Amino acid sequence: MSTRDAVIVDAVRTPVGKRNGSLAGFHATTLSAHVLNALVARNGGFDPSVVDDVIWGCVQQVGMQAGSVGRMSVLAAGWPESVPSVTVDRQCGSSQQSVHQAAAGLMSGQYDVAVAGGVEMMSTIPMGAATAVADFGKPGGPEVRERYGVTFNQGVGAEMMVEKWGFTRTQLDEFAAASHEKLAAATDGGRLKDQIAPVALEGGGQLELDEGLRRGTTAEKLAALKPAFKEGGSIHAGNSSQISDGAAALLMMTSEKAAELGMTPIARVHTAVLAGDDPVMMLSAPIPATHKALKKSGLSINDIGAFEINEAFAPVPMAWLVETGADPARLNPNGGAIAIGHPLGGSGARLMTHLVHHMRDNNIRYGLQSMCEGGGRATATILELLS
């Protein structure tokens, strides 16, 4: 059997820009190139010509994000033309899928060095942009619509989760407020500094911190917001992930290659799985994905010292906690997408960047990440700390 592995040497991200905020005027390839070159600068100026592939997540592949945004980002970074790239769409889990594909290529011998990451500029390319450009039927087609008899909607799916697990509006809003509190504490404590590559702004200065943070958010304040998807419902802008701009990237290779290049790996990809669940509810698949990852790895939920479960909507990680029995104190310890934001194609790499750095900073052996995805799917990854 092959002894090849897949290790993460570094992980970096931009600050996450809020909708129509400081990053809104950037081209997707410019922001992507920024994190690609940050990997070079942070790792002794390694020669990017050694990279066998750049696997880049992006959901809305239209406009500035069309034409293989991954390849254009490599060229925008000034990297050699010999470095190839592929653009991946697994909806919100696109750049977590990038990590899985990089790991598979490394372990199979197709790659020795790879970069996994992604980008989404939601201020410029809004959700639904990809389906608006062509009017040849709705996504899914007649067979899917006949099978399920509904129009898929994530917000409605979130309301379905609220009803199924019996969460109250107050519980949801308390979870959302806690996300902001955790991000504020992580920001003020300097815990995110090593993972963020500040972005120089055209008007001068630079963006160094995530823009979505709303200090002083409380459940009482959130109670004033109107439901967004259902009359009398519980899901609103304050307990949902934010529309955002951002990019993130991870430098991956085999342990053997890292030693050859004089680099020290942070963690290895221990287990990587996928799962599907109800496509109408759409958001519950991190639960079976987590169970599958634990079974495949031989680990228990208590063996995992940190969890990054994407806060697409508050009931997603809340239901996940109920069904897995995980320790809530280990969940999204530095805040989640409700506070940070959710730049779709870049979010998987953003979460993994958080996870890698948190594991290293706190000497946590195992970490698990999972994200719900359009169509009722989820990706789950277990990392093992090496350094």
Protein backbone atom coordinates (compact mmCIF):
# COMPACT_ATOMS: atom_id res chain seq x y z
CA MET A 1 0.00 0.00 0.00
CA SER A 2 1.09 3.55 -0.66
CA THR A 3 2.59 5.46 2.26
CA ARG A 4 1.97 8.83 0.63
CA ASP A 5 0.04 11.36 2.68
CA ALA A 6 -1.43 14.85 2.30
CA VAL A 7 -0.27 17.55 4.69
CA ILE A 8 -1.13 21.22 5.11
CA VAL A 9 1.95 23.42 5.35
CA ASP A 10 0.17 26.77 5.56
CA ALA A 11 -3.30 28.30 5.38
CA VAL A 12 -4.09 31.95 4.77
CA ARG A 13 -7.12 34.07 4.00
CA THR A 14 -8.16 37.61 3.32
CA PRO A 15 -10.22 39.46 5.87
CA VAL A 16 -13.84 38.79 4.94
CA GLY A 17 -15.45 41.90 3.50
CA LYS A 18 -19.06 42.73 4.19
CA ARG A 19 -21.56 43.22 1.37
CA ASN A 20 -20.65 46.35 -0.61
CA GLY A 21 -17.81 46.91 1.83
CA SER A 22 -14.07 47.45 1.49
CA LEU A 23 -13.45 44.50 -0.84
CA ALA A 24 -16.44 45.01 -3.12
CA GLY A 25 -14.43 46.83 -5.79
CA PHE A 26 -11.85 44.07 -6.19
CA HIS A 27 -11.80 41.60 -9.07
CA ALA A 28 -12.12 37.97 -7.99
CA THR A 29 -8.77 37.11 -9.57
CA THR A 30 -7.04 40.00 -7.79
CA LEU A 31 -8.21 38.82 -4.36
CA SER A 32 -7.34 35.22 -5.25
CA ALA A 33 -3.89 36.24 -6.43
CA HIS A 34 -3.41 38.05 -3.13
CA VAL A 35 -3.74 34.87 -1.06
CA LEU A 36 -1.73 32.80 -3.56
CA ASN A 37 1.17 35.19 -3.27
CA ALA A 38 0.71 35.39 0.49
CA LEU A 39 1.47 31.65 0.60
CA VAL A 40 4.72 32.30 -1.27
CA ALA A 41 5.73 35.22 0.93
CA ARG A 42 4.91 33.38 4.17
CA ASN A 43 6.91 30.29 3.20
CA GLY A 44 10.35 31.50 2.31
CA GLY A 45 9.46 32.66 -1.16
CA PHE A 46 9.18 29.12 -2.50
CA ASP A 47 9.14 28.72 -6.26
CA PRO A 48 5.47 28.39 -7.33
CA SER A 49 6.58 26.39 -10.38
CA VAL A 50 6.67 23.35 -8.04
CA VAL A 51 2.88 23.51 -7.67
CA ASP A 52 1.30 20.69 -9.67
CA ASP A 53 -2.23 22.10 -9.55
CA VAL A 54 -4.30 24.90 -8.03
CA ILE A 55 -7.79 23.64 -7.16
CA TRP A 56 -10.02 26.69 -6.74
CA GLY A 57 -13.59 26.76 -5.43
CA CYS A 58 -16.16 29.20 -6.81
CA VAL A 59 -19.94 28.90 -6.91
CA GLN A 60 -21.27 31.64 -9.19
CA GLN A 61 -19.03 31.11 -12.23
CA VAL A 62 -20.31 34.03 -14.29
CA GLY A 63 -19.00 37.53 -14.98
CA MET A 64 -15.63 38.11 -13.32
CA GLN A 65 -15.79 34.59 -11.88
CA ALA A 66 -16.23 32.90 -15.26
CA GLY A 67 -13.59 31.58 -17.64
CA SER A 68 -11.99 29.32 -14.98
CA VAL A 69 -11.36 31.84 -12.24
CA GLY A 70 -8.75 29.52 -10.77
CA ARG A 71 -6.57 29.61 -13.86
CA MET A 72 -7.00 33.36 -14.22
CA SER A 73 -6.03 33.79 -10.57
CA VAL A 74 -2.78 31.88 -11.11
CA LEU A 75 -1.96 34.15 -14.04
CA ALA A 76 -2.98 37.25 -12.07
CA ALA A 77 -0.57 36.20 -9.33
CA GLY A 78 2.26 36.24 -11.83
CA TRP A 79 2.92 32.54 -11.31
CA PRO A 80 4.53 30.58 -14.15
CA GLU A 81 2.22 29.67 -17.02
CA SER A 82 3.21 26.05 -16.42
CA VAL A 83 1.10 25.97 -13.22
CA PRO A 84 -2.36 24.57 -14.09
CA SER A 85 -5.61 25.09 -12.23
CA VAL A 86 -9.15 23.77 -12.08
CA THR A 87 -12.27 25.50 -10.76
CA VAL A 88 -14.60 23.48 -8.52
CA ASP A 89 -18.28 23.97 -7.71
CA ARG A 90 -19.71 21.99 -4.81
CA GLN A 91 -21.83 24.97 -3.80
CA CYS A 92 -20.97 26.26 -0.32
CA GLY A 93 -18.45 23.45 0.19
CA SER A 94 -16.52 24.22 -2.99
CA SER A 95 -13.17 25.07 -1.44
CA GLN A 96 -13.45 22.30 1.16
CA GLN A 97 -13.89 20.02 -1.84
CA SER A 98 -10.75 21.66 -3.25
CA VAL A 99 -8.87 20.38 -0.20
CA HIS A 100 -10.30 16.89 -0.72
CA GLN A 101 -9.24 16.86 -4.36
CA ALA A 102 -5.77 18.12 -3.51
CA ALA A 103 -5.43 15.45 -0.83
CA ALA A 104 -6.59 12.72 -3.21
CA GLY A 105 -4.09 13.87 -5.84
CA LEU A 106 -1.25 13.93 -3.33
CA MET A 107 -2.01 10.51 -1.85
CA SER A 108 -2.49 8.91 -5.27
CA GLY A 109 0.78 10.24 -6.63
CA GLN A 110 -0.73 12.61 -9.19
CA TYR A 111 0.57 15.61 -7.23
CA ASP A 112 3.55 16.34 -5.01
CA VAL A 113 2.50 19.95 -4.27
CA ALA A 114 -0.94 21.51 -4.61
CA VAL A 115 -2.80 24.62 -3.55
CA ALA A 116 -6.44 24.36 -2.52
CA GLY A 117 -8.69 27.36 -1.96
CA GLY A 118 -11.42 29.50 -3.37
CA VAL A 119 -13.05 32.86 -3.78
CA GLU A 120 -16.47 34.52 -4.00
CA MET A 121 -17.26 38.17 -4.61
CA MET A 122 -20.91 38.28 -3.63
CA SER A 123 -21.15 42.07 -3.76
CA THR A 124 -20.58 41.90 -7.51
CA ILE A 125 -21.81 38.42 -8.39
CA PRO A 126 -24.89 37.84 -6.22
CA MET A 127 -26.47 34.50 -5.39
CA GLY A 128 -28.54 33.27 -8.31
CA ALA A 129 -26.44 35.10 -10.91
CA ALA A 130 -25.44 31.85 -12.61
CA THR A 131 -29.07 30.81 -13.16
CA ALA A 132 -30.17 34.24 -14.32
CA VAL A 133 -27.98 34.34 -17.42
CA ALA A 134 -29.84 31.58 -19.24
CA ASP A 135 -33.61 31.21 -19.31
CA PHE A 136 -33.79 27.59 -20.36
CA GLY A 137 -35.72 26.17 -17.47
CA LYS A 138 -35.02 26.32 -13.77
CA PRO A 139 -32.18 24.40 -12.12
CA GLY A 140 -33.05 20.78 -11.48
CA GLY A 141 -35.18 20.21 -14.54
CA PRO A 142 -38.68 18.76 -14.83
CA GLU A 143 -37.83 15.36 -13.37
CA VAL A 144 -36.48 16.80 -10.12
CA ARG A 145 -39.40 19.22 -9.81
CA GLU A 146 -41.81 16.35 -10.40
CA ARG A 147 -40.06 14.18 -7.81
CA TYR A 148 -40.09 16.79 -5.05
CA GLY A 149 -42.87 19.16 -6.10
CA VAL A 150 -41.19 22.22 -4.63
CA THR A 151 -38.78 24.99 -5.48
CA PHE A 152 -35.60 24.53 -3.47
CA ASN A 153 -34.86 27.40 -1.09
CA GLN A 154 -32.21 27.38 1.63
CA GLY A 155 -34.06 29.84 3.84
CA VAL A 156 -37.17 27.69 3.74
CA GLY A 157 -34.96 24.70 4.50
CA ALA A 158 -33.64 26.53 7.56
CA GLU A 159 -37.21 27.10 8.75
CA MET A 160 -37.86 23.38 8.28
CA MET A 161 -34.90 22.62 10.53
CA VAL A 162 -36.21 25.01 13.17
CA GLU A 163 -39.53 23.18 13.15
CA LYS A 164 -38.03 19.66 13.12
CA TRP A 165 -35.67 20.27 16.03
CA GLY A 166 -38.04 22.56 17.92
CA PHE A 167 -35.75 25.54 18.31
CA THR A 168 -37.19 28.81 19.55
CA ARG A 169 -36.51 32.19 17.99
CA THR A 170 -34.70 33.18 21.19
CA GLN A 171 -32.39 30.15 21.02
CA LEU A 172 -31.48 30.96 17.42
CA ASP A 173 -30.79 34.59 18.23
CA GLU A 174 -28.71 33.68 21.27
CA PHE A 175 -26.57 31.41 19.08
CA ALA A 176 -26.15 34.22 16.54
CA ALA A 177 -25.15 36.73 19.19
CA ALA A 178 -22.61 34.27 20.58
CA SER A 179 -20.99 34.02 17.13
CA HIS A 180 -20.30 37.76 17.21
CA GLU A 181 -19.03 37.53 20.79
CA LYS A 182 -16.57 34.78 19.86
CA LEU A 183 -15.32 36.67 16.80
CA ALA A 184 -14.86 39.82 18.88
CA ALA A 185 -12.85 37.92 21.48
CA ALA A 186 -10.70 36.25 18.83
CA THR A 187 -10.09 39.55 17.06
CA ASP A 188 -9.27 41.47 20.23
CA GLY A 189 -7.03 38.66 21.46
CA GLY A 190 -5.03 38.65 18.21
CA ARG A 191 -5.91 35.02 17.56
CA LEU A 192 -6.69 35.60 13.87
CA LYS A 193 -3.70 37.75 13.00
CA ASP A 194 -1.44 34.93 11.77
CA GLN A 195 -4.04 33.62 9.35
CA ILE A 196 -5.08 36.89 7.71
CA ALA A 197 -3.22 38.55 4.83
CA PRO A 198 -4.29 42.23 5.02
CA VAL A 199 -5.51 43.73 1.76
CA ALA A 200 -4.24 47.14 0.64
CA LEU A 201 -7.15 49.41 -0.34
CA GLU A 202 -7.21 51.72 -3.34
CA GLY A 203 -8.00 54.79 -1.26
CA GLY A 204 -5.13 54.12 1.13
CA GLY A 205 -4.77 52.01 4.22
CA GLN A 206 -5.59 48.33 4.36
CA LEU A 207 -8.31 45.98 5.51
CA GLU A 208 -6.93 43.86 8.34
CA LEU A 209 -10.05 42.61 10.13
CA ASP A 210 -13.30 40.90 9.19
CA GLU A 211 -15.93 43.53 8.43
CA GLY A 212 -19.00 41.53 9.38
CA LEU A 213 -18.45 41.77 13.12
CA ARG A 214 -21.26 43.64 14.88
CA ARG A 215 -20.09 44.30 18.40
CA GLY A 216 -22.77 44.47 21.05
CA THR A 217 -25.12 42.13 19.20
CA THR A 218 -27.62 40.58 21.60
CA ALA A 219 -30.58 38.28 21.29
CA GLU A 220 -32.77 41.16 22.44
CA LYS A 221 -31.60 43.36 19.58
CA LEU A 222 -31.97 40.55 17.04
CA ALA A 223 -35.55 39.99 18.21
CA ALA A 224 -36.54 43.20 16.40
CA LEU A 225 -35.62 41.81 12.96
CA LYS A 226 -38.39 40.54 10.69
CA PRO A 227 -38.41 36.93 9.44
CA ALA A 228 -37.08 36.69 5.89
CA PHE A 229 -38.53 33.45 4.52
CA LYS A 230 -41.77 32.65 6.33
CA GLU A 231 -44.56 34.65 7.89
CA GLY A 232 -44.15 34.28 11.62
CA GLY A 233 -40.93 32.36 11.06
CA SER A 234 -37.65 32.48 12.95
CA ILE A 235 -34.96 32.92 10.28
CA HIS A 236 -33.83 36.48 9.54
CA ALA A 237 -30.72 38.34 8.45
CA GLY A 238 -29.27 38.35 11.95
CA ASN A 239 -29.23 34.58 12.49
CA SER A 240 -28.16 33.78 8.93
CA SER A 241 -24.72 33.88 7.34
CA GLN A 242 -23.70 37.21 5.85
CA ILE A 243 -23.31 38.00 2.14
CA SER A 244 -19.59 38.58 1.80
CA ASP A 245 -16.43 38.88 -0.30
CA GLY A 246 -13.24 36.95 0.35
CA ALA A 247 -10.67 34.35 -0.61
CA ALA A 248 -8.55 31.75 1.18
CA ALA A 249 -5.83 29.25 0.23
CA LEU A 250 -3.96 26.29 1.69
CA LEU A 251 -0.51 25.03 0.65
CA MET A 252 -0.54 21.23 0.59
CA MET A 253 2.03 18.57 -0.25
CA THR A 254 3.29 15.17 0.84
CA SER A 255 5.41 14.89 3.98
CA GLU A 256 8.28 13.71 1.81
CA LYS A 257 8.05 16.80 -0.40
CA ALA A 258 7.79 19.08 2.63
CA ALA A 259 11.01 17.64 4.02
CA GLU A 260 12.69 18.08 0.64
CA LEU A 261 11.62 21.75 0.52
CA GLY A 262 12.54 22.35 4.16
CA MET A 263 8.94 23.06 5.21
CA THR A 264 7.20 21.98 8.40
CA PRO A 265 3.65 20.63 8.02
CA ILE A 266 0.97 21.80 10.44
CA ALA A 267 -1.56 19.00 9.97
CA ARG A 268 -2.43 16.08 7.76
CA VAL A 269 -5.71 15.21 6.13
CA HIS A 270 -6.79 12.23 8.22
CA THR A 271 -10.26 11.50 6.80
CA ALA A 272 -12.34 13.05 4.01
CA VAL A 273 -15.93 12.06 3.24
CA LEU A 274 -19.11 13.24 1.55
CA ALA A 275 -22.77 12.72 2.39
CA GLY A 276 -26.20 13.48 1.02
CA ASP A 277 -29.49 14.13 2.80
CA ASP A 278 -32.93 15.65 2.20
CA PRO A 279 -32.51 18.13 -0.70
CA VAL A 280 -35.63 20.07 0.28
CA MET A 281 -34.48 20.73 3.85
CA MET A 282 -31.09 21.00 2.14
CA LEU A 283 -29.03 21.96 5.22
CA SER A 284 -28.95 18.85 7.42
CA ALA A 285 -26.28 16.78 5.66
CA PRO A 286 -23.39 17.80 7.99
CA ILE A 287 -25.00 15.42 10.51
CA PRO A 288 -24.66 12.22 8.43
CA ALA A 289 -21.35 13.50 7.03
CA THR A 290 -19.95 13.77 10.55
CA HIS A 291 -21.19 10.31 11.52
CA LYS A 292 -19.63 8.92 8.34
CA ALA A 293 -16.30 10.65 8.98
CA LEU A 294 -16.13 9.39 12.56
CA LYS A 295 -16.97 5.83 11.51
CA LYS A 296 -14.39 5.88 8.73
CA SER A 297 -11.70 7.37 10.96
CA GLY A 298 -12.29 5.13 13.96
CA LEU A 299 -12.55 8.20 16.18
CA SER A 300 -15.32 9.23 18.54
CA ILE A 301 -16.92 12.65 18.78
CA ASN A 302 -15.05 13.19 22.06
CA ASP A 303 -11.70 12.58 20.35
CA ILE A 304 -12.24 15.74 18.31
CA GLY A 305 -10.92 18.86 20.03
CA ALA A 306 -12.32 21.50 17.66
CA PHE A 307 -15.19 21.70 15.19
CA GLU A 308 -15.83 24.12 12.35
CA ILE A 309 -19.44 23.68 11.24
CA ASN A 310 -20.52 26.37 8.81
CA GLU A 311 -23.12 28.75 10.19
CA ALA A 312 -25.15 28.98 7.01
CA PHE A 313 -28.13 29.54 9.31
CA ALA A 314 -28.18 29.18 13.09
CA PRO A 315 -30.24 25.95 13.13
CA VAL A 316 -27.59 24.13 11.05
CA PRO A 317 -24.87 23.91 13.72
CA MET A 318 -27.50 23.83 16.48
CA ALA A 319 -29.13 20.69 15.04
CA TRP A 320 -25.68 19.25 14.42
CA LEU A 321 -24.85 19.68 18.12
CA VAL A 322 -28.05 17.90 19.14
CA GLU A 323 -27.50 14.93 16.82
CA THR A 324 -23.76 14.45 17.37
CA GLY A 325 -23.52 15.18 21.09
CA ALA A 326 -20.45 17.33 20.51
CA ASP A 327 -19.20 19.71 23.18
CA PRO A 328 -20.63 23.16 22.31
CA ALA A 329 -17.49 24.80 23.73
CA ARG A 330 -15.46 23.22 20.92
CA LEU A 331 -17.73 24.51 18.14
CA ASN A 332 -16.59 27.45 15.99
CA PRO A 333 -14.38 28.75 18.81
CA ASN A 334 -13.45 31.96 16.98
CA GLY A 335 -16.87 32.75 15.55
CA GLY A 336 -18.63 31.55 12.44
CA ALA A 337 -20.25 32.75 9.24
CA ILE A 338 -23.06 34.57 11.07
CA ALA A 339 -20.42 37.02 12.32
CA ILE A 340 -17.56 36.59 9.84
CA GLY A 341 -19.50 36.16 6.62
CA HIS A 342 -19.90 33.45 4.01
CA PRO A 343 -18.16 34.15 0.68
CA LEU A 344 -19.55 30.96 -0.83
CA GLY A 345 -16.69 29.49 -2.89
CA GLY A 346 -14.08 30.70 -0.43
CA SER A 347 -15.78 29.62 2.77
CA GLY A 348 -14.56 26.02 2.91
CA ALA A 349 -10.96 27.18 2.79
CA ARG A 350 -11.74 29.97 5.27
CA LEU A 351 -13.13 27.51 7.79
CA MET A 352 -10.20 25.16 7.31
CA THR A 353 -7.77 28.04 7.76
CA HIS A 354 -9.48 28.79 11.08
CA LEU A 355 -9.33 25.12 12.06
CA VAL A 356 -5.66 24.59 11.17
CA HIS A 357 -4.47 27.64 13.07
CA HIS A 358 -6.68 26.96 16.08
CA MET A 359 -5.42 23.37 16.31
CA ARG A 360 -1.80 24.50 16.16
CA ASP A 361 -2.25 27.37 18.60
CA ASN A 362 -3.98 25.16 21.16
CA ASN A 363 -2.19 21.84 20.58
CA ILE A 364 -5.38 20.08 19.52
CA ARG A 365 -4.73 16.70 17.94
CA TYR A 366 -7.92 16.25 15.90
CA GLY A 367 -10.24 18.78 14.29
CA LEU A 368 -13.36 18.27 12.17
CA GLN A 369 -14.98 20.55 9.61
CA SER A 370 -18.29 20.16 7.82
CA MET A 371 -20.50 22.36 5.65
CA CYS A 372 -24.01 22.08 4.27
CA GLU A 373 -24.28 22.48 0.50
CA GLY A 374 -26.97 23.21 -2.06
CA GLY A 375 -28.93 20.13 -3.07
CA GLY A 376 -28.76 18.53 0.38
CA ARG A 377 -25.09 17.55 0.53
CA ALA A 378 -22.19 18.00 2.93
CA THR A 379 -18.43 17.61 3.05
CA ALA A 380 -16.63 16.51 6.20
CA THR A 381 -12.89 16.52 6.89
CA ILE A 382 -10.88 15.38 9.90
CA LEU A 383 -7.41 16.89 10.33
CA GLU A 384 -4.64 15.57 12.58
CA LEU A 385 -2.11 17.96 14.08
CA LEU A 386 1.53 17.26 13.23
CA SER A 387 3.43 20.22 14.61
